[in-house]
C-alpha cells in the first residue's frame, strides 16, 4: 500500500511541477517534474 502512495505522490508532484514550470517559464522546475515522472515510471515498471 505504501508503494502506491509514493507512486501517486511522484505523479502528482510531477504534474504540479510541469504546471508551475510552464506558467513561470522555469526550466529548473520542469526538470524536477521530469525527475519525478522518471521516478514514477521506474518504480511502476520495477514490480
Protein backbone atom coordinates (compact mmCIF):
# COMPACT_ATOMS: atom_id res chain seq x y z
CA UNK A 1 0.00 0.00 0.00
CA UNK A 2 2.85 2.39 0.85
CA UNK A 3 4.33 1.89 -2.62
CA UNK A 4 1.14 3.09 -4.31
CA UNK A 5 1.06 6.20 -2.14
CA UNK A 6 4.64 7.01 -3.14
CA UNK A 7 3.78 6.44 -6.82
CA UNK A 8 0.75 8.72 -6.59
CA UNK A 9 2.83 11.39 -4.84
CA UNK A 10 5.50 11.22 -7.57
CA UNK A 11 2.92 11.55 -10.32
CA UNK A 12 1.03 14.40 -8.66
CA UNK A 13 4.30 16.17 -7.86
CA UNK A 14 5.39 15.86 -11.48
CA UNK A 15 2.09 17.31 -12.71
CA UNK A 16 2.36 20.20 -10.25
CA UNK A 17 5.94 20.92 -11.32
CA UNK A 18 5.01 20.83 -15.01
CA UNK A 19 2.12 23.21 -14.43
CA UNK A 20 4.17 25.66 -12.40
CA UNK A 21 7.21 25.36 -14.64
CA UNK A 22 5.31 26.09 -17.84
CA UNK A 23 3.46 29.01 -16.26
CA UNK A 24 6.64 30.58 -14.87
CA UNK A 25 8.92 29.53 -17.71
CA UNK A 26 11.38 27.88 -15.33
CA UNK A 27 13.39 25.02 -16.77
CA UNK A 28 14.56 24.02 -13.28
CA UNK A 29 11.02 23.29 -12.11
CA UNK A 30 10.28 21.43 -15.34
CA UNK A 31 13.46 19.40 -14.74
CA UNK A 32 12.21 18.46 -11.27
CA UNK A 33 8.94 17.37 -12.88
CA UNK A 34 10.84 15.19 -15.34
CA UNK A 35 12.80 13.61 -12.48
CA UNK A 36 9.60 12.88 -10.54
CA UNK A 37 7.93 11.38 -13.61
CA UNK A 38 11.00 9.25 -14.27
CA UNK A 39 10.89 8.01 -10.67
CA UNK A 40 7.20 7.19 -11.12
CA UNK A 41 7.76 5.12 -14.27
CA UNK A 42 10.83 3.33 -12.94
CA UNK A 43 9.00 2.34 -9.75
CA UNK A 44 5.93 1.28 -11.68
CA UNK A 45 7.92 -0.93 -14.04
CA UNK A 46 10.01 -2.33 -11.16
CA UNK A 47 7.24 -4.62 -9.96
